[in-house]
Amino acid sequence: PLQEITLRKYELPSGLDRDELARKF
């Protein structure tokens, strides 16, 4: 591929700490 991205949709980011937000991102 010239470029590649995978997109996944998770639940809304409520109540997550910064580490978990970064992980889900």
mmCIF file of all heavy atoms, coordinates in Angstrom:
data_MODEL
# 
_entry.id   MODEL 
# 
loop_
_atom_site.group_PDB 
_atom_site.id 
_atom_site.type_symbol 
_atom_site.label_atom_id 
_atom_site.label_alt_id 
_atom_site.label_comp_id 
_atom_site.label_asym_id 
_atom_site.label_entity_id 
_atom_site.label_seq_id 
_atom_site.pdbx_PDB_ins_code 
_atom_site.Cartn_x 
_atom_site.Cartn_y 
_atom_site.Cartn_z 
_atom_site.occupancy 
_atom_site.B_iso_or_equiv 
_atom_site.pdbx_formal_charge 
_atom_site.auth_seq_id 
_atom_site.auth_comp_id 
_atom_site.auth_asym_id 
_atom_site.auth_atom_id 
_atom_site.pdbx_PDB_model_num 
ATOM 1   N N   . PRO A 1 1  ? 0.822   -1.217 0.000  1.00 0.00 ? 1  PRO A N   1 
ATOM 2   C CA  . PRO A 1 1  ? 0.000   0.000  0.000  1.00 0.00 ? 1  PRO A CA  1 
ATOM 3   C C   . PRO A 1 1  ? 0.851   1.260  0.000  1.00 0.00 ? 1  PRO A C   1 
ATOM 4   O O   . PRO A 1 1  ? 1.966   1.267  0.523  1.00 0.00 ? 1  PRO A O   1 
ATOM 5   C CB  . PRO A 1 1  ? -0.794  -0.108 1.307  1.00 0.00 ? 1  PRO A CB  1 
ATOM 6   C CG  . PRO A 1 1  ? 0.023   -0.994 2.174  1.00 0.00 ? 1  PRO A CG  1 
ATOM 7   C CD  . PRO A 1 1  ? 0.758   -1.931 1.260  1.00 0.00 ? 1  PRO A CD  1 
ATOM 8   N N   . LEU A 1 2  ? 0.329   2.317  -0.601 1.00 0.00 ? 2  LEU A N   1 
ATOM 9   C CA  . LEU A 1 2  ? 1.002   3.612  -0.580 1.00 0.00 ? 2  LEU A CA  1 
ATOM 10  C C   . LEU A 1 2  ? 0.897   4.205  0.820  1.00 0.00 ? 2  LEU A C   1 
ATOM 11  O O   . LEU A 1 2  ? 1.810   4.862  1.297  1.00 0.00 ? 2  LEU A O   1 
ATOM 12  C CB  . LEU A 1 2  ? 0.363   4.565  -1.598 1.00 0.00 ? 2  LEU A CB  1 
ATOM 13  C CG  . LEU A 1 2  ? 0.380   4.093  -3.042 1.00 0.00 ? 2  LEU A CG  1 
ATOM 14  C CD1 . LEU A 1 2  ? -0.415  5.045  -3.922 1.00 0.00 ? 2  LEU A CD1 1 
ATOM 15  C CD2 . LEU A 1 2  ? 1.809   3.984  -3.530 1.00 0.00 ? 2  LEU A CD2 1 
ATOM 16  N N   . GLN A 1 3  ? -0.236  4.000  1.442  1.00 0.00 ? 3  GLN A N   1 
ATOM 17  C CA  . GLN A 1 3  ? -0.493  4.417  2.815  1.00 0.00 ? 3  GLN A CA  1 
ATOM 18  C C   . GLN A 1 3  ? -1.410  3.381  3.419  1.00 0.00 ? 3  GLN A C   1 
ATOM 19  O O   . GLN A 1 3  ? -2.100  2.658  2.709  1.00 0.00 ? 3  GLN A O   1 
ATOM 20  C CB  . GLN A 1 3  ? -1.206  5.762  2.864  1.00 0.00 ? 3  GLN A CB  1 
ATOM 21  C CG  . GLN A 1 3  ? -0.315  6.943  2.828  1.00 0.00 ? 3  GLN A CG  1 
ATOM 22  C CD  . GLN A 1 3  ? -1.123  8.226  2.945  1.00 0.00 ? 3  GLN A CD  1 
ATOM 23  O OE1 . GLN A 1 3  ? -2.224  8.307  2.438  1.00 0.00 ? 3  GLN A OE1 1 
ATOM 24  N NE2 . GLN A 1 3  ? -0.556  9.200  3.591  1.00 0.00 ? 3  GLN A NE2 1 
ATOM 25  N N   . GLU A 1 4  ? -1.439  3.352  4.737  1.00 0.00 ? 4  GLU A N   1 
ATOM 26  C CA  . GLU A 1 4  ? -2.285  2.365  5.383  1.00 0.00 ? 4  GLU A CA  1 
ATOM 27  C C   . GLU A 1 4  ? -2.804  2.935  6.694  1.00 0.00 ? 4  GLU A C   1 
ATOM 28  O O   . GLU A 1 4  ? -2.069  3.580  7.428  1.00 0.00 ? 4  GLU A O   1 
ATOM 29  C CB  . GLU A 1 4  ? -1.451  1.113  5.651  1.00 0.00 ? 4  GLU A CB  1 
ATOM 30  C CG  . GLU A 1 4  ? -2.200  -0.036 6.219  1.00 0.00 ? 4  GLU A CG  1 
ATOM 31  C CD  . GLU A 1 4  ? -1.326  -1.275 6.319  1.00 0.00 ? 4  GLU A CD  1 
ATOM 32  O OE1 . GLU A 1 4  ? -0.112  -1.147 6.544  1.00 0.00 ? 4  GLU A OE1 1 
ATOM 33  O OE2 . GLU A 1 4  ? -1.874  -2.368 6.182  1.00 0.00 ? 4  GLU A OE2 1 
ATOM 34  N N   . ILE A 1 5  ? -4.075  2.718  6.955  1.00 0.00 ? 5  ILE A N   1 
ATOM 35  C CA  . ILE A 1 5  ? -4.648  3.077  8.253  1.00 0.00 ? 5  ILE A CA  1 
ATOM 36  C C   . ILE A 1 5  ? -5.748  2.079  8.561  1.00 0.00 ? 5  ILE A C   1 
ATOM 37  O O   . ILE A 1 5  ? -6.443  1.595  7.675  1.00 0.00 ? 5  ILE A O   1 
ATOM 38  C CB  . ILE A 1 5  ? -5.175  4.531  8.307  1.00 0.00 ? 5  ILE A CB  1 
ATOM 39  C CG1 . ILE A 1 5  ? -5.490  4.901  9.752  1.00 0.00 ? 5  ILE A CG1 1 
ATOM 40  C CG2 . ILE A 1 5  ? -6.371  4.721  7.397  1.00 0.00 ? 5  ILE A CG2 1 
ATOM 41  C CD1 . ILE A 1 5  ? -5.571  6.386  10.004 1.00 0.00 ? 5  ILE A CD1 1 
ATOM 42  N N   . THR A 1 6  ? -5.842  1.747  9.823  1.00 0.00 ? 6  THR A N   1 
ATOM 43  C CA  . THR A 1 6  ? -6.918  0.901  10.320 1.00 0.00 ? 6  THR A CA  1 
ATOM 44  C C   . THR A 1 6  ? -7.745  1.766  11.247 1.00 0.00 ? 6  THR A C   1 
ATOM 45  O O   . THR A 1 6  ? -7.187  2.474  12.083 1.00 0.00 ? 6  THR A O   1 
ATOM 46  C CB  . THR A 1 6  ? -6.336  -0.295 11.115 1.00 0.00 ? 6  THR A CB  1 
ATOM 47  O OG1 . THR A 1 6  ? -5.514  -1.054 10.250 1.00 0.00 ? 6  THR A OG1 1 
ATOM 48  C CG2 . THR A 1 6  ? -7.432  -1.163 11.688 1.00 0.00 ? 6  THR A CG2 1 
ATOM 49  N N   . LEU A 1 7  ? -9.045  1.753  11.085 1.00 0.00 ? 7  LEU A N   1 
ATOM 50  C CA  . LEU A 1 7  ? -9.916  2.522  11.971 1.00 0.00 ? 7  LEU A CA  1 
ATOM 51  C C   . LEU A 1 7  ? -10.804 1.573  12.757 1.00 0.00 ? 7  LEU A C   1 
ATOM 52  O O   . LEU A 1 7  ? -11.379 0.645  12.194 1.00 0.00 ? 7  LEU A O   1 
ATOM 53  C CB  . LEU A 1 7  ? -10.797 3.482  11.167 1.00 0.00 ? 7  LEU A CB  1 
ATOM 54  C CG  . LEU A 1 7  ? -10.094 4.594  10.423 1.00 0.00 ? 7  LEU A CG  1 
ATOM 55  C CD1 . LEU A 1 7  ? -11.095 5.401  9.613  1.00 0.00 ? 7  LEU A CD1 1 
ATOM 56  C CD2 . LEU A 1 7  ? -9.348  5.487  11.391 1.00 0.00 ? 7  LEU A CD2 1 
ATOM 57  N N   . ARG A 1 8  ? -10.882 1.811  14.056 1.00 0.00 ? 8  ARG A N   1 
ATOM 58  C CA  . ARG A 1 8  ? -11.766 1.035  14.922 1.00 0.00 ? 8  ARG A CA  1 
ATOM 59  C C   . ARG A 1 8  ? -12.574 2.018  15.760 1.00 0.00 ? 8  ARG A C   1 
ATOM 60  O O   . ARG A 1 8  ? -12.044 3.038  16.187 1.00 0.00 ? 8  ARG A O   1 
ATOM 61  C CB  . ARG A 1 8  ? -10.954 0.142  15.856 1.00 0.00 ? 8  ARG A CB  1 
ATOM 62  C CG  . ARG A 1 8  ? -10.123 -0.892 15.147 1.00 0.00 ? 8  ARG A CG  1 
ATOM 63  C CD  . ARG A 1 8  ? -9.402  -1.787 16.157 1.00 0.00 ? 8  ARG A CD  1 
ATOM 64  N NE  . ARG A 1 8  ? -8.521  -2.699 15.474 1.00 0.00 ? 8  ARG A NE  1 
ATOM 65  C CZ  . ARG A 1 8  ? -7.223  -2.471 15.261 1.00 0.00 ? 8  ARG A CZ  1 
ATOM 66  N NH1 . ARG A 1 8  ? -6.659  -1.379 15.707 1.00 0.00 ? 8  ARG A NH1 1 
ATOM 67  N NH2 . ARG A 1 8  ? -6.491  -3.343 14.619 1.00 0.00 ? 8  ARG A NH2 1 
ATOM 68  N N   . LYS A 1 9  ? -13.835 1.685  15.996 1.00 0.00 ? 9  LYS A N   1 
ATOM 69  C CA  . LYS A 1 9  ? -14.694 2.548  16.805 1.00 0.00 ? 9  LYS A CA  1 
ATOM 70  C C   . LYS A 1 9  ? -14.936 1.875  18.152 1.00 0.00 ? 9  LYS A C   1 
ATOM 71  O O   . LYS A 1 9  ? -15.376 0.725  18.208 1.00 0.00 ? 9  LYS A O   1 
ATOM 72  C CB  . LYS A 1 9  ? -16.024 2.799  16.092 1.00 0.00 ? 9  LYS A CB  1 
ATOM 73  C CG  . LYS A 1 9  ? -16.935 3.747  16.840 1.00 0.00 ? 9  LYS A CG  1 
ATOM 74  C CD  . LYS A 1 9  ? -18.205 4.003  16.042 1.00 0.00 ? 9  LYS A CD  1 
ATOM 75  C CE  . LYS A 1 9  ? -19.151 4.909  16.795 1.00 0.00 ? 9  LYS A CE  1 
ATOM 76  N NZ  . LYS A 1 9  ? -20.388 5.118  16.044 1.00 0.00 ? 9  LYS A NZ  1 
ATOM 77  N N   . TYR A 1 10 ? -14.631 2.599  19.211 1.00 0.00 ? 10 TYR A N   1 
ATOM 78  C CA  . TYR A 1 10 ? -14.855 2.114  20.573 1.00 0.00 ? 10 TYR A CA  1 
ATOM 79  C C   . TYR A 1 10 ? -15.910 2.976  21.240 1.00 0.00 ? 10 TYR A C   1 
ATOM 80  O O   . TYR A 1 10 ? -16.363 3.978  20.683 1.00 0.00 ? 10 TYR A O   1 
ATOM 81  C CB  . TYR A 1 10 ? -13.541 2.169  21.376 1.00 0.00 ? 10 TYR A CB  1 
ATOM 82  C CG  . TYR A 1 10 ? -12.549 1.134  20.924 1.00 0.00 ? 10 TYR A CG  1 
ATOM 83  C CD1 . TYR A 1 10 ? -11.545 1.444  20.020 1.00 0.00 ? 10 TYR A CD1 1 
ATOM 84  C CD2 . TYR A 1 10 ? -12.610 -0.168 21.387 1.00 0.00 ? 10 TYR A CD2 1 
ATOM 85  C CE1 . TYR A 1 10 ? -10.636 0.488  19.591 1.00 0.00 ? 10 TYR A CE1 1 
ATOM 86  C CE2 . TYR A 1 10 ? -11.703 -1.137 20.967 1.00 0.00 ? 10 TYR A CE2 1 
ATOM 87  C CZ  . TYR A 1 10 ? -10.722 -0.801 20.073 1.00 0.00 ? 10 TYR A CZ  1 
ATOM 88  O OH  . TYR A 1 10 ? -9.828  -1.753 19.655 1.00 0.00 ? 10 TYR A OH  1 
ATOM 89  N N   . GLU A 1 11 ? -16.287 2.589  22.450 1.00 0.00 ? 11 GLU A N   1 
ATOM 90  C CA  . GLU A 1 11 ? -17.265 3.362  23.216 1.00 0.00 ? 11 GLU A CA  1 
ATOM 91  C C   . GLU A 1 11 ? -16.729 4.776  23.454 1.00 0.00 ? 11 GLU A C   1 
ATOM 92  O O   . GLU A 1 11 ? -15.545 5.031  23.303 1.00 0.00 ? 11 GLU A O   1 
ATOM 93  C CB  . GLU A 1 11 ? -17.567 2.674  24.553 1.00 0.00 ? 11 GLU A CB  1 
ATOM 94  C CG  . GLU A 1 11 ? -16.417 2.675  25.560 1.00 0.00 ? 11 GLU A CG  1 
ATOM 95  C CD  . GLU A 1 11 ? -15.311 1.637  25.318 1.00 0.00 ? 11 GLU A CD  1 
ATOM 96  O OE1 . GLU A 1 11 ? -15.469 0.765  24.444 1.00 0.00 ? 11 GLU A OE1 1 
ATOM 97  O OE2 . GLU A 1 11 ? -14.282 1.737  26.003 1.00 0.00 ? 11 GLU A OE2 1 
ATOM 98  N N   . LEU A 1 12 ? -17.615 5.683  23.841 1.00 0.00 ? 12 LEU A N   1 
ATOM 99  C CA  . LEU A 1 12 ? -17.197 7.055  24.142 1.00 0.00 ? 12 LEU A CA  1 
ATOM 100 C C   . LEU A 1 12 ? -16.176 7.050  25.285 1.00 0.00 ? 12 LEU A C   1 
ATOM 101 O O   . LEU A 1 12 ? -16.310 6.262  26.225 1.00 0.00 ? 12 LEU A O   1 
ATOM 102 C CB  . LEU A 1 12 ? -18.405 7.915  24.530 1.00 0.00 ? 12 LEU A CB  1 
ATOM 103 C CG  . LEU A 1 12 ? -19.279 8.368  23.376 1.00 0.00 ? 12 LEU A CG  1 
ATOM 104 C CD1 . LEU A 1 12 ? -20.549 9.022  23.887 1.00 0.00 ? 12 LEU A CD1 1 
ATOM 105 C CD2 . LEU A 1 12 ? -18.514 9.328  22.479 1.00 0.00 ? 12 LEU A CD2 1 
ATOM 106 N N   . PRO A 1 13 ? -15.187 7.925  25.202 1.00 0.00 ? 13 PRO A N   1 
ATOM 107 C CA  . PRO A 1 13 ? -14.110 7.927  26.204 1.00 0.00 ? 13 PRO A CA  1 
ATOM 108 C C   . PRO A 1 13 ? -14.489 8.663  27.493 1.00 0.00 ? 13 PRO A C   1 
ATOM 109 O O   . PRO A 1 13 ? -14.044 9.764  27.745 1.00 0.00 ? 13 PRO A O   1 
ATOM 110 C CB  . PRO A 1 13 ? -12.974 8.647  25.480 1.00 0.00 ? 13 PRO A CB  1 
ATOM 111 C CG  . PRO A 1 13 ? -13.661 9.563  24.538 1.00 0.00 ? 13 PRO A CG  1 
ATOM 112 C CD  . PRO A 1 13 ? -14.915 8.852  24.123 1.00 0.00 ? 13 PRO A CD  1 
ATOM 113 N N   . SER A 1 14 ? -15.325 8.042  28.311 1.00 0.00 ? 14 SER A N   1 
ATOM 114 C CA  . SER A 1 14 ? -15.678 8.691  29.577 1.00 0.00 ? 14 SER A CA  1 
ATOM 115 C C   . SER A 1 14 ? -15.096 7.882  30.732 1.00 0.00 ? 14 SER A C   1 
ATOM 116 O O   . SER A 1 14 ? -15.112 6.650  30.712 1.00 0.00 ? 14 SER A O   1 
ATOM 117 C CB  . SER A 1 14 ? -17.194 8.810  29.715 1.00 0.00 ? 14 SER A CB  1 
ATOM 118 O OG  . SER A 1 14 ? -17.794 7.530  29.642 1.00 0.00 ? 14 SER A OG  1 
ATOM 119 N N   . GLY A 1 15 ? -14.566 8.585  31.704 1.00 0.00 ? 15 GLY A N   1 
ATOM 120 C CA  . GLY A 1 15 ? -14.027 7.941  32.893 1.00 0.00 ? 15 GLY A CA  1 
ATOM 121 C C   . GLY A 1 15 ? -12.708 7.219  32.695 1.00 0.00 ? 15 GLY A C   1 
ATOM 122 O O   . GLY A 1 15 ? -12.319 6.414  33.536 1.00 0.00 ? 15 GLY A O   1 
ATOM 123 N N   . LEU A 1 16 ? -12.016 7.486  31.589 1.00 0.00 ? 16 LEU A N   1 
ATOM 124 C CA  . LEU A 1 16 ? -10.735 6.823  31.337 1.00 0.00 ? 16 LEU A CA  1 
ATOM 125 C C   . LEU A 1 16 ? -9.596  7.744  31.759 1.00 0.00 ? 16 LEU A C   1 
ATOM 126 O O   . LEU A 1 16 ? -9.667  8.954  31.552 1.00 0.00 ? 16 LEU A O   1 
ATOM 127 C CB  . LEU A 1 16 ? -10.587 6.492  29.850 1.00 0.00 ? 16 LEU A CB  1 
ATOM 128 C CG  . LEU A 1 16 ? -11.643 5.585  29.216 1.00 0.00 ? 16 LEU A CG  1 
ATOM 129 C CD1 . LEU A 1 16 ? -11.373 5.428  27.723 1.00 0.00 ? 16 LEU A CD1 1 
ATOM 130 C CD2 . LEU A 1 16 ? -11.667 4.228  29.893 1.00 0.00 ? 16 LEU A CD2 1 
ATOM 131 N N   . ASP A 1 17 ? -8.548  7.157  32.339 1.00 0.00 ? 17 ASP A N   1 
ATOM 132 C CA  . ASP A 1 17 ? -7.384  7.976  32.663 1.00 0.00 ? 17 ASP A CA  1 
ATOM 133 C C   . ASP A 1 17 ? -6.568  8.223  31.393 1.00 0.00 ? 17 ASP A C   1 
ATOM 134 O O   . ASP A 1 17 ? -6.856  7.664  30.335 1.00 0.00 ? 17 ASP A O   1 
ATOM 135 C CB  . ASP A 1 17 ? -6.541  7.349  33.775 1.00 0.00 ? 17 ASP A CB  1 
ATOM 136 C CG  . ASP A 1 17 ? -5.918  6.012  33.395 1.00 0.00 ? 17 ASP A CG  1 
ATOM 137 O OD1 . ASP A 1 17 ? -5.830  5.688  32.192 1.00 0.00 ? 17 ASP A OD1 1 
ATOM 138 O OD2 . ASP A 1 17 ? -5.496  5.280  34.306 1.00 0.00 ? 17 ASP A OD2 1 
ATOM 139 N N   . ARG A 1 18 ? -5.547  9.059  31.515 1.00 0.00 ? 18 ARG A N   1 
ATOM 140 C CA  . ARG A 1 18 ? -4.769  9.459  30.343 1.00 0.00 ? 18 ARG A CA  1 
ATOM 141 C C   . ARG A 1 18 ? -4.124  8.267  29.642 1.00 0.00 ? 18 ARG A C   1 
ATOM 142 O O   . ARG A 1 18 ? -4.094  8.194  28.415 1.00 0.00 ? 18 ARG A O   1 
ATOM 143 C CB  . ARG A 1 18 ? -3.699  10.461 30.771 1.00 0.00 ? 18 ARG A CB  1 
ATOM 144 C CG  . ARG A 1 18 ? -2.943  11.040 29.622 1.00 0.00 ? 18 ARG A CG  1 
ATOM 145 C CD  . ARG A 1 18 ? -1.890  11.993 30.125 1.00 0.00 ? 18 ARG A CD  1 
ATOM 146 N NE  . ARG A 1 18 ? -1.421  12.804 29.054 1.00 0.00 ? 18 ARG A NE  1 
ATOM 147 C CZ  . ARG A 1 18 ? -0.857  13.971 29.217 1.00 0.00 ? 18 ARG A CZ  1 
ATOM 148 N NH1 . ARG A 1 18 ? -0.721  14.484 30.409 1.00 0.00 ? 18 ARG A NH1 1 
ATOM 149 N NH2 . ARG A 1 18 ? -0.426  14.653 28.177 1.00 0.00 ? 18 ARG A NH2 1 
ATOM 150 N N   . ASP A 1 19 ? -3.607  7.311  30.424 1.00 0.00 ? 19 ASP A N   1 
ATOM 151 C CA  . ASP A 1 19 ? -2.973  6.136  29.828 1.00 0.00 ? 19 ASP A CA  1 
ATOM 152 C C   . ASP A 1 19 ? -3.970  5.319  29.019 1.00 0.00 ? 19 ASP A C   1 
ATOM 153 O O   . ASP A 1 19 ? -3.678  4.867  27.913 1.00 0.00 ? 19 ASP A O   1 
ATOM 154 C CB  . ASP A 1 19 ? -2.326  5.257  30.905 1.00 0.00 ? 19 ASP A CB  1 
ATOM 155 C CG  . ASP A 1 19 ? -1.101  5.898  31.525 1.00 0.00 ? 19 ASP A CG  1 
ATOM 156 O OD1 . ASP A 1 19 ? -0.683  6.993  31.078 1.00 0.00 ? 19 ASP A OD1 1 
ATOM 157 O OD2 . ASP A 1 19 ? -0.548  5.308  32.480 1.00 0.00 ? 19 ASP A OD2 1 
ATOM 158 N N   . GLU A 1 20 ? -5.169  5.120  29.575 1.00 0.00 ? 20 GLU A N   1 
ATOM 159 C CA  . GLU A 1 20 ? -6.179  4.339  28.873 1.00 0.00 ? 20 GLU A CA  1 
ATOM 160 C C   . GLU A 1 20 ? -6.721  5.096  27.657 1.00 0.00 ? 20 GLU A C   1 
ATOM 161 O O   . GLU A 1 20 ? -7.021  4.505  26.631 1.00 0.00 ? 20 GLU A O   1 
ATOM 162 C CB  . GLU A 1 20 ? -7.306  3.945  29.828 1.00 0.00 ? 20 GLU A CB  1 
ATOM 163 C CG  . GLU A 1 20 ? -8.230  2.880  29.289 1.00 0.00 ? 20 GLU A CG  1 
ATOM 164 C CD  . GLU A 1 20 ? -7.571  1.558  28.890 1.00 0.00 ? 20 GLU A CD  1 
ATOM 165 O OE1 . GLU A 1 20 ? -6.489  1.222  29.411 1.00 0.00 ? 20 GLU A OE1 1 
ATOM 166 O OE2 . GLU A 1 20 ? -8.143  0.866  28.024 1.00 0.00 ? 20 GLU A OE2 1 
ATOM 167 N N   . LEU A 1 21 ? -6.825  6.424  27.761 1.00 0.00 ? 21 LEU A N   1 
ATOM 168 C CA  . LEU A 1 21 ? -7.224  7.238  26.605 1.00 0.00 ? 21 LEU A CA  1 
ATOM 169 C C   . LEU A 1 21 ? -6.216  7.079  25.468 1.00 0.00 ? 21 LEU A C   1 
ATOM 170 O O   . LEU A 1 21 ? -6.597  6.892  24.312 1.00 0.00 ? 21 LEU A O   1 
ATOM 171 C CB  . LEU A 1 21 ? -7.311  8.720  26.995 1.00 0.00 ? 21 LEU A CB  1 
ATOM 172 C CG  . LEU A 1 21 ? -8.552  9.158  27.758 1.00 0.00 ? 21 LEU A CG  1 
ATOM 173 C CD1 . LEU A 1 21 ? -8.359  10.562 28.310 1.00 0.00 ? 21 LEU A CD1 1 
ATOM 174 C CD2 . LEU A 1 21 ? -9.783  9.081  26.881 1.00 0.00 ? 21 LEU A CD2 1 
ATOM 175 N N   . ALA A 1 22 ? -4.928  7.142  25.809 1.00 0.00 ? 22 ALA A N   1 
ATOM 176 C CA  . ALA A 1 22 ? -3.881  6.982  24.793 1.00 0.00 ? 22 ALA A CA  1 
ATOM 177 C C   . ALA A 1 22 ? -3.951  5.590  24.166 1.00 0.00 ? 22 ALA A C   1 
ATOM 178 O O   . ALA A 1 22 ? -3.837  5.433  22.954 1.00 0.00 ? 22 ALA A O   1 
ATOM 179 C CB  . ALA A 1 22 ? -2.507  7.228  25.411 1.00 0.00 ? 22 ALA A CB  1 
ATOM 180 N N   . ARG A 1 23 ? -4.162  4.577  25.001 1.00 0.00 ? 23 ARG A N   1 
ATOM 181 C CA  . ARG A 1 23 ? -4.252  3.194  24.508 1.00 0.00 ? 23 ARG A CA  1 
ATOM 182 C C   . ARG A 1 23 ? -5.420  3.054  23.527 1.00 0.00 ? 23 ARG A C   1 
ATOM 183 O O   . ARG A 1 23 ? -5.268  2.505  22.438 1.00 0.00 ? 23 ARG A O   1 
ATOM 184 C CB  . ARG A 1 23 ? -4.414  2.254  25.700 1.00 0.00 ? 23 ARG A CB  1 
ATOM 185 C CG  . ARG A 1 23 ? -4.522  0.807  25.341 1.00 0.00 ? 23 ARG A CG  1 
ATOM 186 C CD  . ARG A 1 23 ? -4.592  -0.054 26.610 1.00 0.00 ? 23 ARG A CD  1 
ATOM 187 N NE  . ARG A 1 23 ? -4.832  -1.421 26.272 1.00 0.00 ? 23 ARG A NE  1 
ATOM 188 C CZ  . ARG A 1 23 ? -3.968  -2.223 25.672 1.00 0.00 ? 23 ARG A CZ  1 
ATOM 189 N NH1 . ARG A 1 23 ? -2.771  -1.778 25.350 1.00 0.00 ? 23 ARG A NH1 1 
ATOM 190 N NH2 . ARG A 1 23 ? -4.272  -3.459 25.372 1.00 0.00 ? 23 ARG A NH2 1 
ATOM 191 N N   . LYS A 1 24 ? -6.610  3.567  23.911 1.00 0.00 ? 24 LYS A N   1 
ATOM 192 C CA  . LYS A 1 24 ? -7.788  3.463  23.033 1.00 0.00 ? 24 LYS A CA  1 
ATOM 193 C C   . LYS A 1 24 ? -7.589  4.274  21.754 1.00 0.00 ? 24 LYS A C   1 
ATOM 194 O O   . LYS A 1 24 ? -8.020  3.866  20.677 1.00 0.00 ? 24 LYS A O   1 
ATOM 195 C CB  . LYS A 1 24 ? -9.057  3.930  23.765 1.00 0.00 ? 24 LYS A CB  1 
ATOM 196 C CG  . LYS A 1 24 ? -9.598  2.908  24.752 1.00 0.00 ? 24 LYS A CG  1 
ATOM 197 C CD  . LYS A 1 24 ? -10.229 1.748  24.018 1.00 0.00 ? 24 LYS A CD  1 
ATOM 198 C CE  . LYS A 1 24 ? -10.579 0.562  24.860 1.00 0.00 ? 24 LYS A CE  1 
ATOM 199 N NZ  . LYS A 1 24 ? -11.639 0.636  25.771 1.00 0.00 ? 24 LYS A NZ  1 
ATOM 200 N N   . PHE A 1 25 ? -6.930  5.428  21.863 1.00 0.00 ? 25 PHE A N   1 
ATOM 201 C CA  . PHE A 1 25 ? -6.644  6.233  20.679 1.00 0.00 ? 25 PHE A CA  1 
ATOM 202 C C   . PHE A 1 25 ? -5.766  5.447  19.710 1.00 0.00 ? 25 PHE A C   1 
ATOM 203 O O   . PHE A 1 25 ? -6.058  5.362  18.510 1.00 0.00 ? 25 PHE A O   1 
ATOM 204 C CB  . PHE A 1 25 ? -5.969  7.550  21.075 1.00 0.00 ? 25 PHE A CB  1 
ATOM 205 C CG  . PHE A 1 25 ? -5.543  8.382  19.896 1.00 0.00 ? 25 PHE A CG  1 
ATOM 206 C CD1 . PHE A 1 25 ? -6.483  9.110  19.171 1.00 0.00 ? 25 PHE A CD1 1 
ATOM 207 C CD2 . PHE A 1 25 ? -4.221  8.422  19.495 1.00 0.00 ? 25 PHE A CD2 1 
ATOM 208 C CE1 . PHE A 1 25 ? -6.097  9.867  18.071 1.00 0.00 ? 25 PHE A CE1 1 
ATOM 209 C CE2 . PHE A 1 25 ? -3.825  9.172  18.398 1.00 0.00 ? 25 PHE A CE2 1 
ATOM 210 C CZ  . PHE A 1 25 ? -4.770  9.892  17.685 1.00 0.00 ? 25 PHE A CZ  1 
# 
